[in-house]
Amino acid sequence: MTSMVIDALLALAVLACWLGAAGFARLNSPLDRLHCVTFVNAAAGVAILIAAFVADGASARALKILVLNAAALASGAALSHATGRALLLRQRER
């Protein structure tokens, strides 16, 4: 039963990546594309994190994934903000 849950969570992470890639290819403006990158970072990371905790419980590996996911979300938020601001400043200069 747990292997089915883990498989479903990992499939959800892959689906989130494909959805983000399709949105990135489909959307026109760079600011809209930035949302796709942030979505993949958050959705796939959380699905993988939950899959690790279902597989191992509160093991060292699952806690490492938790720390990596938190770092990726924090740095991704800061990077998305800086990139969005740079894009807005560049659009204002035109």
N, C-alpha and C. Protein backbone atom coordinates (compact mmCIF):
# COMPACT_ATOMS: atom_id res chain seq x y z
N MET A 1 0.83 -1.21 0.00
CA MET A 1 0.00 0.00 0.00
C MET A 1 0.86 1.26 0.00
N THR A 2 1.91 1.26 0.83
CA THR A 2 2.74 2.47 0.88
C THR A 2 3.49 2.69 -0.43
N SER A 3 3.84 1.60 -1.12
CA SER A 3 4.54 1.79 -2.40
C SER A 3 3.63 2.45 -3.43
N MET A 4 2.34 2.18 -3.35
CA MET A 4 1.40 2.84 -4.27
C MET A 4 1.30 4.33 -3.96
N VAL A 5 1.31 4.68 -2.68
CA VAL A 5 1.25 6.09 -2.29
C VAL A 5 2.52 6.80 -2.74
N ILE A 6 3.67 6.16 -2.53
CA ILE A 6 4.94 6.76 -2.95
C ILE A 6 4.97 6.94 -4.46
N ASP A 7 4.54 5.92 -5.20
CA ASP A 7 4.49 6.02 -6.66
C ASP A 7 3.57 7.14 -7.11
N ALA A 8 2.43 7.29 -6.45
CA ALA A 8 1.49 8.35 -6.80
C ALA A 8 2.09 9.73 -6.53
N LEU A 9 2.79 9.87 -5.40
CA LEU A 9 3.41 11.16 -5.08
C LEU A 9 4.53 11.50 -6.06
N LEU A 10 5.33 10.52 -6.43
CA LEU A 10 6.39 10.76 -7.40
C LEU A 10 5.82 11.05 -8.78
N ALA A 11 4.72 10.38 -9.14
CA ALA A 11 4.05 10.68 -10.40
C ALA A 11 3.47 12.09 -10.38
N LEU A 12 2.98 12.52 -9.24
CA LEU A 12 2.49 13.90 -9.10
C LEU A 12 3.62 14.90 -9.28
N ALA A 13 4.81 14.59 -8.76
CA ALA A 13 5.96 15.47 -8.94
C ALA A 13 6.34 15.57 -10.42
N VAL A 14 6.34 14.44 -11.11
CA VAL A 14 6.65 14.45 -12.54
C VAL A 14 5.58 15.22 -13.31
N LEU A 15 4.33 15.02 -12.96
CA LEU A 15 3.24 15.75 -13.62
C LEU A 15 3.38 17.25 -13.40
N ALA A 16 3.77 17.66 -12.20
CA ALA A 16 3.97 19.08 -11.92
C ALA A 16 5.09 19.65 -12.78
N CYS A 17 6.15 18.87 -12.97
CA CYS A 17 7.26 19.33 -13.82
C CYS A 17 6.80 19.47 -15.28
N TRP A 18 6.05 18.50 -15.78
CA TRP A 18 5.55 18.58 -17.14
C TRP A 18 4.56 19.73 -17.31
N LEU A 19 3.71 19.93 -16.33
CA LEU A 19 2.76 21.04 -16.39
C LEU A 19 3.49 22.38 -16.39
N GLY A 20 4.51 22.50 -15.56
CA GLY A 20 5.30 23.72 -15.54
C GLY A 20 6.03 23.95 -16.85
N ALA A 21 6.57 22.89 -17.44
CA ALA A 21 7.25 23.02 -18.73
C ALA A 21 6.29 23.42 -19.83
N ALA A 22 5.09 22.83 -19.82
CA ALA A 22 4.09 23.20 -20.83
C ALA A 22 3.65 24.65 -20.66
N GLY A 23 3.45 25.07 -19.42
CA GLY A 23 3.08 26.46 -19.17
C GLY A 23 4.19 27.41 -19.56
N PHE A 24 5.43 27.02 -19.30
CA PHE A 24 6.57 27.86 -19.66
C PHE A 24 6.64 28.04 -21.17
N ALA A 25 6.38 26.97 -21.91
CA ALA A 25 6.42 27.05 -23.37
C ALA A 25 5.23 27.83 -23.93
N ARG A 26 4.12 27.79 -23.23
CA ARG A 26 2.88 28.38 -23.75
C ARG A 26 2.73 29.87 -23.42
N LEU A 27 3.20 30.29 -22.26
CA LEU A 27 2.97 31.67 -21.83
C LEU A 27 3.89 32.63 -22.57
N ASN A 28 3.41 33.88 -22.71
CA ASN A 28 4.11 34.84 -23.55
C ASN A 28 5.12 35.70 -22.80
N SER A 29 4.73 36.25 -21.69
CA SER A 29 5.62 37.22 -21.03
C SER A 29 6.56 36.54 -20.06
N PRO A 30 7.73 37.12 -19.87
CA PRO A 30 8.69 36.55 -18.91
C PRO A 30 8.16 36.49 -17.48
N LEU A 31 7.35 37.45 -17.09
CA LEU A 31 6.78 37.42 -15.74
C LEU A 31 5.81 36.25 -15.56
N ASP A 32 5.05 35.95 -16.60
CA ASP A 32 4.16 34.79 -16.54
C ASP A 32 4.96 33.49 -16.48
N ARG A 33 6.04 33.41 -17.23
CA ARG A 33 6.88 32.22 -17.22
C ARG A 33 7.54 32.01 -15.87
N LEU A 34 7.81 33.09 -15.19
CA LEU A 34 8.42 33.01 -13.86
C LEU A 34 7.51 32.27 -12.89
N HIS A 35 6.20 32.42 -13.05
CA HIS A 35 5.25 31.70 -12.20
C HIS A 35 5.36 30.19 -12.42
N CYS A 36 5.61 29.77 -13.64
CA CYS A 36 5.75 28.33 -13.93
C CYS A 36 6.96 27.75 -13.22
N VAL A 37 8.06 28.48 -13.23
CA VAL A 37 9.27 28.00 -12.56
C VAL A 37 9.02 27.88 -11.06
N THR A 38 8.37 28.85 -10.48
CA THR A 38 8.07 28.82 -9.05
C THR A 38 7.10 27.68 -8.72
N PHE A 39 6.14 27.44 -9.58
CA PHE A 39 5.19 26.34 -9.37
C PHE A 39 5.91 25.00 -9.32
N VAL A 40 6.81 24.77 -10.27
CA VAL A 40 7.55 23.50 -10.30
C VAL A 40 8.38 23.35 -9.04
N ASN A 41 9.04 24.41 -8.62
CA ASN A 41 9.87 24.36 -7.42
C ASN A 41 9.05 23.98 -6.20
N ALA A 42 7.88 24.57 -6.07
CA ALA A 42 7.05 24.30 -4.89
C ALA A 42 6.31 22.97 -4.98
N ALA A 43 5.63 22.72 -6.07
CA ALA A 43 4.77 21.53 -6.17
C ALA A 43 5.58 20.24 -6.21
N ALA A 44 6.60 20.19 -7.05
CA ALA A 44 7.38 18.96 -7.16
C ALA A 44 8.19 18.71 -5.89
N GLY A 45 8.73 19.76 -5.32
CA GLY A 45 9.53 19.60 -4.10
C GLY A 45 8.71 19.08 -2.93
N VAL A 46 7.52 19.58 -2.77
CA VAL A 46 6.66 19.13 -1.67
C VAL A 46 6.21 17.69 -1.89
N ALA A 47 5.90 17.33 -3.14
CA ALA A 47 5.49 15.95 -3.42
C ALA A 47 6.63 14.96 -3.13
N ILE A 48 7.84 15.33 -3.50
CA ILE A 48 9.00 14.47 -3.23
C ILE A 48 9.26 14.39 -1.73
N LEU A 49 9.10 15.50 -1.03
CA LEU A 49 9.29 15.52 0.42
C LEU A 49 8.29 14.60 1.12
N ILE A 50 7.05 14.66 0.74
CA ILE A 50 6.04 13.80 1.36
C ILE A 50 6.32 12.34 1.02
N ALA A 51 6.75 12.06 -0.21
CA ALA A 51 7.09 10.69 -0.59
C ALA A 51 8.24 10.15 0.25
N ALA A 52 9.22 10.99 0.55
CA ALA A 52 10.34 10.56 1.39
C ALA A 52 9.89 10.24 2.80
N PHE A 53 9.00 11.06 3.35
CA PHE A 53 8.51 10.80 4.70
C PHE A 53 7.60 9.57 4.75
N VAL A 54 6.84 9.32 3.69
CA VAL A 54 6.03 8.10 3.65
C VAL A 54 6.93 6.88 3.56
N ALA A 55 8.00 6.97 2.78
CA ALA A 55 8.90 5.83 2.58
C ALA A 55 9.72 5.52 3.82
N ASP A 56 10.27 6.54 4.46
CA ASP A 56 11.24 6.33 5.53
C ASP A 56 10.80 6.78 6.91
N GLY A 57 9.72 7.52 7.00
CA GLY A 57 9.38 8.13 8.29
C GLY A 57 10.32 9.30 8.55
N ALA A 58 10.58 9.58 9.80
CA ALA A 58 11.45 10.71 10.15
C ALA A 58 12.90 10.24 10.22
N SER A 59 13.42 9.77 9.10
CA SER A 59 14.80 9.28 9.03
C SER A 59 15.74 10.43 8.68
N ALA A 60 17.02 10.13 8.68
CA ALA A 60 18.02 11.14 8.34
C ALA A 60 17.85 11.58 6.89
N ARG A 61 17.55 10.64 5.99
CA ARG A 61 17.37 10.98 4.58
C ARG A 61 16.16 11.89 4.38
N ALA A 62 15.05 11.60 5.04
CA ALA A 62 13.86 12.43 4.90
C ALA A 62 14.10 13.83 5.49
N LEU A 63 14.82 13.91 6.58
CA LEU A 63 15.12 15.22 7.17
C LEU A 63 16.06 16.03 6.29
N LYS A 64 16.99 15.36 5.61
CA LYS A 64 17.86 16.06 4.66
C LYS A 64 17.04 16.62 3.50
N ILE A 65 16.09 15.84 3.03
CA ILE A 65 15.22 16.32 1.95
C ILE A 65 14.38 17.50 2.43
N LEU A 66 13.94 17.46 3.68
CA LEU A 66 13.19 18.58 4.25
C LEU A 66 14.03 19.85 4.26
N VAL A 67 15.28 19.73 4.70
CA VAL A 67 16.17 20.90 4.74
C VAL A 67 16.46 21.41 3.33
N LEU A 68 16.72 20.49 2.39
CA LEU A 68 16.96 20.90 1.01
C LEU A 68 15.73 21.56 0.39
N ASN A 69 14.55 21.04 0.67
CA ASN A 69 13.33 21.62 0.15
C ASN A 69 13.09 23.01 0.73
N ALA A 70 13.32 23.17 2.02
CA ALA A 70 13.16 24.49 2.64
C ALA A 70 14.16 25.49 2.06
N ALA A 71 15.39 25.05 1.85
CA ALA A 71 16.39 25.94 1.25
C ALA A 71 16.03 26.29 -0.19
N ALA A 72 15.54 25.32 -0.94
CA ALA A 72 15.14 25.58 -2.33
C ALA A 72 13.96 26.54 -2.40
N LEU A 73 12.99 26.37 -1.49
CA LEU A 73 11.85 27.28 -1.48
C LEU A 73 12.25 28.69 -1.08
N ALA A 74 13.12 28.81 -0.08
CA ALA A 74 13.56 30.15 0.37
C ALA A 74 14.41 30.83 -0.69
N SER A 75 15.37 30.12 -1.25
CA SER A 75 16.22 30.74 -2.26
C SER A 75 15.45 30.96 -3.56
N GLY A 76 14.52 30.05 -3.87
CA GLY A 76 13.70 30.24 -5.06
C GLY A 76 12.79 31.45 -4.95
N ALA A 77 12.27 31.70 -3.75
CA ALA A 77 11.42 32.88 -3.55
C ALA A 77 12.24 34.16 -3.72
N ALA A 78 13.43 34.17 -3.14
CA ALA A 78 14.28 35.36 -3.26
C ALA A 78 14.72 35.57 -4.70
N LEU A 79 15.08 34.49 -5.37
CA LEU A 79 15.51 34.59 -6.77
C LEU A 79 14.36 35.01 -7.67
N SER A 80 13.17 34.49 -7.44
CA SER A 80 12.01 34.89 -8.24
C SER A 80 11.68 36.36 -8.04
N HIS A 81 11.78 36.82 -6.81
CA HIS A 81 11.52 38.23 -6.54
C HIS A 81 12.54 39.12 -7.24
N ALA A 82 13.81 38.77 -7.15
CA ALA A 82 14.86 39.57 -7.79
C ALA A 82 14.72 39.54 -9.31
N THR A 83 14.40 38.38 -9.86
CA THR A 83 14.22 38.27 -11.31
C THR A 83 13.01 39.08 -11.78
N GLY A 84 11.90 38.99 -11.05
CA GLY A 84 10.72 39.76 -11.39
C GLY A 84 10.96 41.25 -11.33
N ARG A 85 11.69 41.67 -10.32
CA ARG A 85 12.01 43.11 -10.21
C ARG A 85 12.90 43.56 -11.36
N ALA A 86 13.89 42.75 -11.72
CA ALA A 86 14.76 43.09 -12.84
C ALA A 86 13.98 43.15 -14.14
N LEU A 87 13.04 42.24 -14.32
CA LEU A 87 12.21 42.26 -15.54
C LEU A 87 11.34 43.52 -15.59
N LEU A 88 10.76 43.89 -14.46
CA LEU A 88 9.94 45.11 -14.43
C LEU A 88 10.77 46.35 -14.70
N LEU A 89 11.96 46.41 -14.13
CA LEU A 89 12.83 47.57 -14.38
C LEU A 89 13.24 47.64 -15.84
N ARG A 90 13.51 46.50 -16.44
CA ARG A 90 13.89 46.47 -17.86
C ARG A 90 12.72 46.90 -18.74
N GLN A 91 11.49 46.51 -18.38
CA GLN A 91 10.32 46.91 -19.17
C GLN A 91 10.07 48.40 -19.05
N ARG A 92 10.33 49.01 -17.89
CA ARG A 92 10.11 50.43 -17.71
C ARG A 92 11.09 51.26 -18.53
N GLU A 93 12.30 50.74 -18.75
CA GLU A 93 13.33 51.48 -19.48
C GLU A 93 13.01 51.56 -20.97
N ARG A 94 12.20 50.67 -21.48
CA ARG A 94 11.90 50.66 -22.93
C ARG A 94 10.97 51.74 -23.30
